Amino acid sequence: MVVGEDGASWLRAAVALCVMYWLLLSYPLTLALTCLGTLLITVLIYLKRLLRARECPARLTCRDSALARHVGAHCPTFRHILRLPAWARNCHVQSCLGLLACRQGAHFAREYLQLHDGGLLALDWAVGSQYVSPAHPLLLLLPDLTGSAVQLSALCCQALTLGMRAVVINRRGQAGSIVSTPKLPGYGDTSDLREVIGYLQRTHQRAALCAVGVGTGGDALLSYLGQFGSSARLSAAVCISPSYNAADTLHGLPTPYLQLYLSHLKQAVLSNAQVFGPLVQRARGAWSVKEFDQKVVSTCAGYNDLEDFWEDNEPLREADEVSAPVLCVSSLDDPVCRPQHIPYDLFRALPNFFLLTLPHGGHAGFRQGLGGLSWAEAAAMDFVQAMLSFQPCTCYVANGVHVATQTNDLLDWTPDPLTLDLVTLEPEDTSRLPRTLPAEWHG
């Protein structure tokens, strides 16, 4: 019979108790020692259970496909168990560890990008000692509302180690950046992100672009992917602790998180009073995120009705238009983004959406210690690398006949352009195509 660790502990305790009671019956003078020993064993067993790390296995929810099988085979972190130390089991402790993450050896160089409306956006580039080719991937990082490049420095270091470049895209007024126009973008406003990605694509034409968003950064990323669909220009995207339903989440925040988010929003306005003008008094009079959105953010965006503003800023308003592979990582004890907002049916229906849920981890926490890469960040890097290595076949079909699998195969054959269709398939799906042409066409 195999006895587990807990069973073995209780078995040893039972044997010890039997021995003690036998001694008690044989030698009445050992009563005090017997009681003391029983109490000591009980305390030791309790402390052992209390101090043991909590194991949190991850659960992947997605639609079965070749892409899903590729993800399962190339993302080892998904199979690793998150082990939370005894002192960091609480969801609020985990959330604080995510907020208070210190710089992990990364250094940043700030660049300001001037937008079409005259506004300025701060881009913090991670500076590494190793040479990175212009053709290497570029990782875009979108921090949470209260975050900055410092909280994402471990992720930047990991990207540099893997031969990628990394840049942190700050919101207007975030992380001490300069504000030149009276505008604060909504949580689902994609106009600034669209300009930044267009700029990065022009300046890094040979590099594949991937993105990781944390918290409200993940909401903006989901909104962008849905709004621009196949023209989003991203090869992969990861959202850590997104809200899925930003309006209900931000308007129902627990008091400590409400005050934290509200103080960051107000600071962006009050520290640039000469730019925002009359909106400063409105910001001072706001005592909730909803009130701040109504008095400041929606007004800056030109909305008269708050419901219309939130309807146009919902992260998943156009989820069925998303074409890039997306991984979302959520904790079921997240005190900010509640688990009842997770749209499981969406992840089961759409082939390019993947959901990782863990029973514990807090809001953007998932920390197994004080420093280093979090479990969610390691999973994000695995997913990005897996998507960059996944190359579907490009097959050409003319008049219902498979004529080529690679673009270069068409150089020696020029069919009627009206009868040529471009079909993108997974590698194993090409066997189902009709192959009536000579074998030399297929290599």
Protein backbone atom coordinates (compact mmCIF):
# COMPACT_ATOMS: atom_id res chain seq x y z
CA MET A 1 0.00 0.00 0.00
CA VAL A 2 1.32 3.43 -0.92
CA VAL A 3 0.94 6.07 1.77
CA GLY A 4 1.07 9.74 0.78
CA GLU A 5 3.00 12.42 2.61
CA ASP A 6 -0.03 13.51 4.65
CA GLY A 7 -0.95 9.88 5.44
CA ALA A 8 2.58 9.13 6.58
CA SER A 9 2.54 12.16 8.89
CA TRP A 10 -0.70 11.12 10.54
CA LEU A 11 0.50 7.51 10.80
CA ARG A 12 3.64 8.59 12.64
CA ALA A 13 1.53 10.76 14.92
CA ALA A 14 -0.82 7.85 15.71
CA VAL A 15 2.11 5.54 16.53
CA ALA A 16 3.63 8.18 18.77
CA LEU A 17 0.33 8.65 20.60
CA CYS A 18 -0.04 4.91 21.14
CA VAL A 19 3.45 4.69 22.59
CA MET A 20 2.80 7.65 24.86
CA TYR A 21 -0.47 6.29 26.20
CA TRP A 22 1.18 2.91 26.83
CA LEU A 23 3.85 4.70 28.82
CA LEU A 24 1.12 6.64 30.61
CA LEU A 25 -0.64 3.46 31.68
CA SER A 26 2.64 1.83 32.72
CA TYR A 27 4.25 4.79 34.38
CA PRO A 28 1.78 7.37 35.75
CA LEU A 29 4.62 9.79 36.41
CA THR A 30 5.03 10.31 32.63
CA LEU A 31 1.65 12.06 32.33
CA ALA A 32 3.15 15.52 31.98
CA LEU A 33 5.65 14.39 29.35
CA THR A 34 2.92 12.57 27.41
CA CYS A 35 0.67 15.63 27.23
CA LEU A 36 3.59 17.85 26.26
CA GLY A 37 4.73 15.45 23.56
CA THR A 38 1.22 15.15 22.12
CA LEU A 39 0.90 18.91 21.97
CA LEU A 40 4.32 19.29 20.36
CA ILE A 41 3.60 16.71 17.64
CA THR A 42 0.27 18.34 16.86
CA VAL A 43 1.87 21.77 16.54
CA LEU A 44 4.65 20.44 14.30
CA ILE A 45 2.18 18.73 11.96
CA TYR A 46 0.08 21.90 11.73
CA LEU A 47 3.13 24.08 11.04
CA LYS A 48 4.33 21.71 8.33
CA ARG A 49 0.98 21.93 6.55
CA LEU A 50 0.84 25.69 7.06
CA LEU A 51 4.33 26.39 5.70
CA ARG A 52 4.08 24.07 2.70
CA ALA A 53 4.01 25.82 -0.68
CA ARG A 54 0.59 25.92 -2.34
CA GLU A 55 0.57 24.20 -5.72
CA CYS A 56 -1.47 25.82 -8.48
CA PRO A 57 -1.72 23.87 -11.75
CA ALA A 58 -2.75 25.78 -14.86
CA ARG A 59 -5.75 24.90 -17.00
CA LEU A 60 -5.75 25.64 -20.73
CA THR A 61 -9.07 26.41 -22.43
CA CYS A 62 -9.11 26.62 -26.22
CA ARG A 63 -10.55 25.14 -29.37
CA ASP A 64 -8.83 22.04 -30.71
CA SER A 65 -6.72 22.84 -33.79
CA ALA A 66 -3.24 22.42 -35.22
CA LEU A 67 -2.32 25.74 -33.63
CA ALA A 68 -3.53 24.54 -30.22
CA ARG A 69 -1.49 21.35 -30.52
CA HIS A 70 1.56 23.41 -31.49
CA VAL A 71 1.04 25.60 -28.42
CA GLY A 72 0.74 22.58 -26.15
CA ALA A 73 3.94 21.07 -27.51
CA HIS A 74 6.08 24.25 -27.44
CA CYS A 75 4.99 25.95 -24.20
CA PRO A 76 6.56 23.98 -21.32
CA THR A 77 5.59 26.58 -18.71
CA PHE A 78 1.93 25.69 -19.25
CA ARG A 79 2.68 22.29 -17.69
CA HIS A 80 4.71 23.69 -14.80
CA ILE A 81 2.93 24.09 -11.48
CA LEU A 82 2.90 27.53 -9.88
CA ARG A 83 4.14 27.06 -6.31
CA LEU A 84 3.22 29.92 -4.01
CA PRO A 85 5.27 30.24 -0.82
CA ALA A 86 3.34 30.26 2.46
CA TRP A 87 3.81 33.99 2.93
CA ALA A 88 2.52 34.80 -0.58
CA ARG A 89 -0.63 32.69 -0.81
CA ASN A 90 -3.04 35.57 -0.31
CA CYS A 91 -4.38 37.18 -3.49
CA HIS A 92 -3.74 40.70 -2.18
CA VAL A 93 -0.13 39.82 -1.34
CA GLN A 94 0.33 38.48 -4.86
CA SER A 95 -1.19 41.65 -6.34
CA CYS A 96 1.14 43.81 -4.25
CA LEU A 97 4.16 41.79 -5.39
CA GLY A 98 3.17 42.59 -8.97
CA LEU A 99 2.82 46.29 -8.19
CA LEU A 100 6.02 46.54 -6.16
CA ALA A 101 8.25 44.58 -8.53
CA CYS A 102 11.70 46.18 -8.55
CA ARG A 103 14.07 46.77 -11.41
CA GLN A 104 15.65 43.47 -12.50
CA GLY A 105 18.89 44.72 -14.03
CA ALA A 106 17.32 46.28 -17.13
CA HIS A 107 18.16 49.81 -18.26
CA PHE A 108 15.88 51.93 -20.40
CA ALA A 109 16.31 54.75 -22.90
CA ARG A 110 13.24 56.96 -23.34
CA GLU A 111 12.01 58.11 -26.74
CA TYR A 112 9.07 60.47 -27.29
CA LEU A 113 6.82 59.90 -30.28
CA GLN A 114 4.74 62.85 -31.44
CA LEU A 115 1.24 61.79 -32.47
CA HIS A 116 -0.98 63.29 -35.17
CA ASP A 117 -2.98 65.36 -32.65
CA GLY A 118 0.21 66.87 -31.21
CA GLY A 119 0.31 64.60 -28.17
CA LEU A 120 3.45 62.86 -26.94
CA LEU A 121 3.84 59.18 -26.11
CA ALA A 122 6.81 57.87 -24.12
CA LEU A 123 8.53 54.74 -25.42
CA ASP A 124 11.00 53.13 -22.97
CA TRP A 125 13.48 50.95 -24.88
CA ALA A 126 15.25 48.19 -22.98
CA VAL A 127 19.00 48.56 -23.44
CA GLY A 128 21.03 45.36 -23.63
CA SER A 129 24.74 44.67 -23.98
CA GLN A 130 24.35 42.02 -26.68
CA TYR A 131 23.88 42.80 -30.37
CA VAL A 132 20.38 42.28 -31.70
CA SER A 133 19.86 41.98 -35.45
CA PRO A 134 17.29 44.30 -37.09
CA ALA A 135 15.48 41.16 -38.23
CA HIS A 136 14.98 39.86 -34.70
CA PRO A 137 11.48 40.13 -33.19
CA LEU A 138 10.35 43.25 -31.38
CA LEU A 139 8.34 42.80 -28.17
CA LEU A 140 5.87 45.55 -27.28
CA LEU A 141 4.94 45.81 -23.59
CA LEU A 142 1.83 47.64 -22.36
CA PRO A 143 1.90 48.17 -18.56
CA ASP A 144 -1.08 48.36 -16.23
CA LEU A 145 -2.63 51.69 -15.30
CA THR A 146 -0.37 51.91 -12.24
CA GLY A 147 2.66 50.27 -13.88
CA SER A 148 5.77 51.37 -15.71
CA ALA A 149 8.89 49.96 -17.33
CA VAL A 150 10.28 49.13 -13.87
CA GLN A 151 7.56 46.55 -13.19
CA LEU A 152 8.24 44.96 -16.59
CA SER A 153 12.03 44.99 -16.37
CA ALA A 154 12.30 41.22 -15.71
CA LEU A 155 10.25 40.55 -18.85
CA CYS A 156 12.49 42.94 -20.81
CA CYS A 157 15.61 41.13 -19.57
CA GLN A 158 14.15 37.80 -20.65
CA ALA A 159 13.33 39.20 -24.09
CA LEU A 160 16.88 40.48 -24.50
CA THR A 161 18.24 37.10 -23.41
CA LEU A 162 16.17 35.41 -26.12
CA GLY A 163 17.50 37.77 -28.80
CA MET A 164 14.49 40.10 -28.97
CA ARG A 165 14.23 43.81 -28.59
CA ALA A 166 11.75 45.17 -26.04
CA VAL A 167 9.96 48.51 -25.75
CA VAL A 168 7.49 49.64 -23.10
CA ILE A 169 4.63 51.77 -24.48
CA ASN A 170 3.35 54.13 -21.78
CA ARG A 171 -0.06 55.76 -21.81
CA ARG A 172 -0.26 59.54 -22.05
CA GLY A 173 0.86 61.00 -18.75
CA GLN A 174 2.00 57.62 -17.43
CA ALA A 175 5.37 56.96 -15.76
CA GLY A 176 6.21 60.65 -15.54
CA SER A 177 5.90 61.27 -19.27
CA ILE A 178 5.30 64.71 -20.74
CA VAL A 179 1.71 65.71 -21.52
CA SER A 180 1.22 68.24 -24.33
CA THR A 181 -2.52 67.88 -25.14
CA PRO A 182 -5.60 67.74 -22.86
CA LYS A 183 -6.43 64.11 -23.62
CA LEU A 184 -6.49 60.93 -21.57
CA PRO A 185 -7.29 57.89 -23.73
CA GLY A 186 -9.98 55.47 -22.65
CA TYR A 187 -9.07 51.95 -21.59
CA GLY A 188 -10.16 50.60 -24.97
CA ASP A 189 -8.98 53.55 -27.07
CA THR A 190 -6.70 52.20 -29.77
CA SER A 191 -5.77 55.34 -31.69
CA ASP A 192 -2.46 55.92 -29.87
CA LEU A 193 -1.48 52.26 -30.05
CA ARG A 194 -2.24 52.19 -33.76
CA GLU A 195 0.12 55.10 -34.39
CA VAL A 196 2.89 53.55 -32.29
CA ILE A 197 2.66 50.18 -34.06
CA GLY A 198 2.64 51.90 -37.45
CA TYR A 199 5.76 53.84 -36.46
CA LEU A 200 7.53 50.71 -35.20
CA GLN A 201 6.65 48.80 -38.34
CA ARG A 202 8.11 51.55 -40.53
CA THR A 203 11.32 51.76 -38.50
CA HIS A 204 11.72 47.97 -38.02
CA GLN A 205 10.46 46.61 -41.31
CA ARG A 206 12.26 43.26 -41.03
CA ALA A 207 11.13 42.48 -37.47
CA ALA A 208 8.06 40.54 -36.38
CA LEU A 209 6.01 42.48 -33.83
CA CYS A 210 4.58 40.77 -30.72
CA ALA A 211 2.85 42.36 -27.73
CA VAL A 212 2.26 41.65 -24.04
CA GLY A 213 -0.28 43.69 -22.08
CA VAL A 214 -0.77 43.68 -18.30
CA GLY A 215 -4.06 44.65 -16.66
CA THR A 216 -5.53 47.66 -18.46
CA GLY A 217 -2.69 47.29 -20.97
CA GLY A 218 -4.17 43.90 -21.85
CA ASP A 219 -7.60 45.52 -22.29
CA ALA A 220 -6.15 48.03 -24.76
CA LEU A 221 -4.41 45.22 -26.62
CA LEU A 222 -7.61 43.14 -26.95
CA SER A 223 -9.50 46.20 -28.15
CA TYR A 224 -6.82 46.97 -30.74
CA LEU A 225 -6.72 43.41 -32.10
CA GLY A 226 -10.48 43.34 -32.53
CA GLN A 227 -10.77 46.75 -34.12
CA PHE A 228 -8.06 46.24 -36.74
CA GLY A 229 -8.34 42.49 -37.28
CA SER A 230 -5.97 41.17 -39.95
CA SER A 231 -4.30 44.59 -40.30
CA ALA A 232 -3.24 44.69 -36.63
CA ARG A 233 0.36 43.85 -37.70
CA LEU A 234 1.04 41.64 -34.67
CA SER A 235 2.31 38.07 -34.87
CA ALA A 236 1.23 37.18 -31.31
CA ALA A 237 -0.35 38.83 -28.28
CA VAL A 238 -0.52 37.98 -24.58
CA CYS A 239 -2.83 39.61 -22.01
CA ILE A 240 -2.02 39.06 -18.33
CA SER A 241 -4.96 39.63 -15.97
CA PRO A 242 -7.19 41.50 -18.46
CA SER A 243 -10.59 42.61 -17.23
CA TYR A 244 -12.61 41.30 -20.23
CA ASN A 245 -15.34 43.70 -19.07
CA ALA A 246 -13.61 46.95 -18.21
CA ALA A 247 -16.70 48.95 -17.22
CA ASP A 248 -17.96 46.51 -14.59
CA THR A 249 -14.44 45.78 -13.35
CA LEU A 250 -13.20 49.34 -12.86
CA HIS A 251 -16.50 50.57 -11.44
CA GLY A 252 -16.68 47.75 -8.89
CA LEU A 253 -13.12 47.86 -7.57
CA PRO A 254 -12.44 47.08 -3.88
CA THR A 255 -11.68 50.27 -1.97
CA PRO A 256 -7.85 49.95 -1.75
CA TYR A 257 -7.51 49.31 -5.48
CA LEU A 258 -10.06 52.02 -6.26
CA GLN A 259 -8.01 54.61 -4.38
CA LEU A 260 -4.79 53.42 -6.03
CA TYR A 261 -6.19 53.60 -9.58
CA LEU A 262 -7.96 56.90 -8.92
CA SER A 263 -4.83 58.52 -7.48
CA HIS A 264 -2.84 57.61 -10.62
CA LEU A 265 -5.56 58.99 -12.88
CA LYS A 266 -5.78 62.23 -10.90
CA GLN A 267 -2.01 62.61 -10.77
CA ALA A 268 -1.79 62.63 -14.57
CA VAL A 269 -4.20 65.59 -14.65
CA LEU A 270 -3.11 67.54 -11.58
CA SER A 271 0.59 67.39 -12.47
CA ASN A 272 -0.23 68.95 -15.87
CA ALA A 273 -2.75 71.57 -14.73
CA GLN A 274 -1.62 74.11 -17.33
CA VAL A 275 -2.50 71.67 -20.12
CA PHE A 276 -5.85 70.37 -18.83
CA GLY A 277 -7.15 73.75 -17.65
CA PRO A 278 -10.79 73.55 -16.43
CA LEU A 279 -10.65 69.75 -16.27
CA VAL A 280 -8.43 70.02 -13.17
CA GLN A 281 -11.34 71.01 -10.94
CA ARG A 282 -13.44 68.19 -12.34
CA ALA A 283 -10.66 65.71 -11.62
CA ARG A 284 -10.36 66.92 -8.02
CA GLY A 285 -14.09 66.45 -7.51
CA ALA A 286 -14.12 62.83 -8.71
CA TRP A 287 -14.30 60.24 -5.93
CA SER A 288 -14.60 57.08 -8.02
CA VAL A 289 -13.25 55.76 -11.30
CA LYS A 290 -16.72 55.98 -12.82
CA GLU A 291 -17.04 59.61 -11.79
CA PHE A 292 -13.56 60.39 -13.14
CA ASP A 293 -14.46 58.75 -16.46
CA GLN A 294 -17.63 60.79 -16.65
CA LYS A 295 -16.09 64.14 -15.75
CA VAL A 296 -12.68 63.88 -17.42
CA VAL A 297 -11.89 60.90 -19.68
CA SER A 298 -15.14 60.75 -21.68
CA THR A 299 -15.16 64.55 -21.99
CA CYS A 300 -11.64 64.50 -23.43
CA ALA A 301 -12.78 61.91 -25.95
CA GLY A 302 -15.79 63.99 -27.00
CA TYR A 303 -18.55 61.84 -25.46
CA ASN A 304 -21.63 63.28 -23.81
CA ASP A 305 -22.97 59.95 -22.57
CA LEU A 306 -20.86 57.66 -20.36
CA GLU A 307 -22.66 54.52 -21.53
CA ASP A 308 -21.73 55.27 -25.15
CA PHE A 309 -18.15 55.87 -24.07
CA TRP A 310 -17.90 52.50 -22.35
CA GLU A 311 -19.65 50.70 -25.19
CA ASP A 312 -16.98 51.97 -27.58
CA ASN A 313 -14.18 51.04 -25.17
CA GLU A 314 -15.13 47.47 -24.25
CA PRO A 315 -12.07 45.23 -24.83
CA LEU A 316 -13.98 42.35 -26.46
CA ARG A 317 -16.49 44.38 -28.47
CA GLU A 318 -15.09 42.97 -31.73
CA ALA A 319 -13.47 39.75 -30.54
CA ASP A 320 -14.63 37.78 -33.58
CA GLU A 321 -12.50 40.04 -35.80
CA VAL A 322 -9.22 39.13 -34.03
CA SER A 323 -6.87 37.29 -36.39
CA ALA A 324 -3.62 37.17 -34.38
CA PRO A 325 -3.08 34.37 -31.83
CA VAL A 326 -4.00 35.64 -28.34
CA LEU A 327 -3.19 34.15 -24.93
CA CYS A 328 -4.98 35.41 -21.81
CA VAL A 329 -3.69 34.50 -18.34
CA SER A 330 -6.13 34.92 -15.44
CA SER A 331 -6.28 33.99 -11.77
CA LEU A 332 -9.51 32.77 -10.22
CA ASP A 333 -8.79 34.76 -7.04
CA ASP A 334 -8.04 38.03 -8.84
CA PRO A 335 -9.39 40.80 -6.55
CA VAL A 336 -9.59 43.29 -9.43
CA CYS A 337 -10.72 41.31 -12.49
CA ARG A 338 -13.32 38.91 -11.11
CA PRO A 339 -13.50 35.37 -12.55
CA GLN A 340 -17.21 35.68 -13.40
CA HIS A 341 -16.23 38.05 -16.21
CA ILE A 342 -14.09 35.43 -18.02
CA PRO A 343 -15.85 34.53 -21.32
CA TYR A 344 -15.09 30.79 -21.44
CA ASP A 345 -17.41 30.25 -24.42
CA LEU A 346 -15.38 32.70 -26.49
CA PHE A 347 -12.16 30.74 -25.91
CA ARG A 348 -13.87 27.47 -26.78
CA ALA A 349 -15.30 28.89 -30.01
CA LEU A 350 -12.52 30.99 -31.58
CA PRO A 351 -9.47 29.03 -32.81
CA ASN A 352 -6.88 31.75 -32.13
CA PHE A 353 -7.90 32.50 -28.51
CA PHE A 354 -6.19 30.67 -25.63
CA LEU A 355 -7.02 30.97 -21.94
CA LEU A 356 -4.80 29.94 -19.02
CA THR A 357 -6.51 29.97 -15.62
CA LEU A 358 -4.89 29.30 -12.25
CA PRO A 359 -6.70 28.94 -8.92
CA HIS A 360 -4.41 31.50 -7.26
CA GLY A 361 -2.12 34.30 -8.36
CA GLY A 362 -3.87 37.60 -7.60
CA HIS A 363 -3.96 40.46 -10.08
CA ALA A 364 -0.91 40.32 -12.37
CA GLY A 365 0.99 38.57 -9.57
CA PHE A 366 1.79 34.88 -10.14
CA ARG A 367 4.98 35.34 -8.11
CA GLN A 368 6.94 32.43 -6.65
CA GLY A 369 9.34 34.77 -4.85
CA LEU A 370 10.40 38.38 -4.48
CA GLY A 371 12.31 38.71 -7.75
CA GLY A 372 12.76 37.26 -11.18
CA LEU A 373 10.27 36.39 -13.88
CA SER A 374 6.73 35.65 -12.75
CA TRP A 375 4.97 32.45 -13.81
CA ALA A 376 2.66 34.39 -16.14
CA GLU A 377 5.56 36.25 -17.75
CA ALA A 378 7.39 32.98 -18.39
CA ALA A 379 4.23 31.55 -19.97
CA ALA A 380 3.91 34.68 -22.10
CA MET A 381 7.44 34.32 -23.46
CA ASP A 382 6.83 30.64 -24.23
CA PHE A 383 3.70 31.55 -26.17
CA VAL A 384 5.43 34.33 -28.13
CA GLN A 385 8.26 32.00 -29.13
CA ALA A 386 5.81 29.26 -30.08
CA MET A 387 3.86 31.63 -32.33
CA LEU A 388 7.02 32.90 -34.00
CA SER A 389 8.03 29.33 -34.78
CA PHE A 390 4.60 28.37 -36.13
CA GLN A 391 4.71 28.84 -39.89
CA PRO A 392 1.60 27.66 -41.77
CA CYS A 393 2.03 26.57 -45.38
CA THR A 394 0.99 28.92 -48.16
CA CYS A 395 -0.69 26.83 -50.86
CA TYR A 396 -1.76 27.99 -54.33
CA VAL A 397 -4.83 26.51 -55.94
CA ALA A 398 -5.73 27.09 -59.59
CA ASN A 399 -9.02 25.76 -60.94
CA GLY A 400 -9.33 23.44 -57.93
CA VAL A 401 -5.84 21.97 -58.40
CA HIS A 402 -2.97 22.37 -55.91
CA VAL A 403 -0.16 23.83 -58.01
CA ALA A 404 2.41 24.99 -55.45
CA THR A 405 3.21 25.10 -51.77
CA GLN A 406 5.84 27.85 -51.69
CA THR A 407 5.75 31.29 -53.27
CA ASN A 408 8.95 30.68 -55.22
CA ASP A 409 7.36 27.66 -56.93
CA LEU A 410 5.26 30.04 -59.00
CA LEU A 411 8.19 31.67 -60.71
CA ASP A 412 8.15 29.14 -63.57
CA TRP A 413 4.39 28.99 -63.98
CA THR A 414 1.99 31.84 -64.70
CA PRO A 415 -1.68 30.82 -64.52
CA ASP A 416 -4.59 33.06 -65.27
CA PRO A 417 -4.69 35.56 -62.34
CA LEU A 418 -8.47 35.24 -62.14
CA THR A 419 -8.25 31.50 -61.39
CA LEU A 420 -5.53 31.70 -58.72
CA ASP A 421 -6.60 31.50 -55.07
CA LEU A 422 -4.32 31.91 -52.06
CA VAL A 423 -5.07 29.47 -49.24
CA THR A 424 -3.29 29.41 -45.87
CA LEU A 425 -3.33 25.99 -44.21
CA GLU A 426 -1.59 24.23 -41.36
CA PRO A 427 1.26 21.90 -42.51
CA GLU A 428 -0.68 18.67 -41.92
CA ASP A 429 -3.71 19.97 -43.83
CA THR A 430 -1.90 20.09 -47.19
CA SER A 431 -2.32 16.34 -47.62
CA ARG A 432 -6.03 16.86 -48.25
CA LEU A 433 -5.41 18.99 -51.37
CA PRO A 434 -5.78 17.36 -54.81
CA ARG A 435 -2.39 16.61 -56.32
CA THR A 436 -2.98 16.00 -60.04
CA LEU A 437 0.11 17.82 -61.27
CA PRO A 438 3.50 16.13 -61.80
CA ALA A 439 5.50 15.33 -58.67
CA GLU A 440 8.18 17.93 -59.43
CA TRP A 441 5.67 20.68 -58.63
CA HIS A 442 5.54 19.56 -55.00
CA GLY A 443 9.24 19.12 -54.37
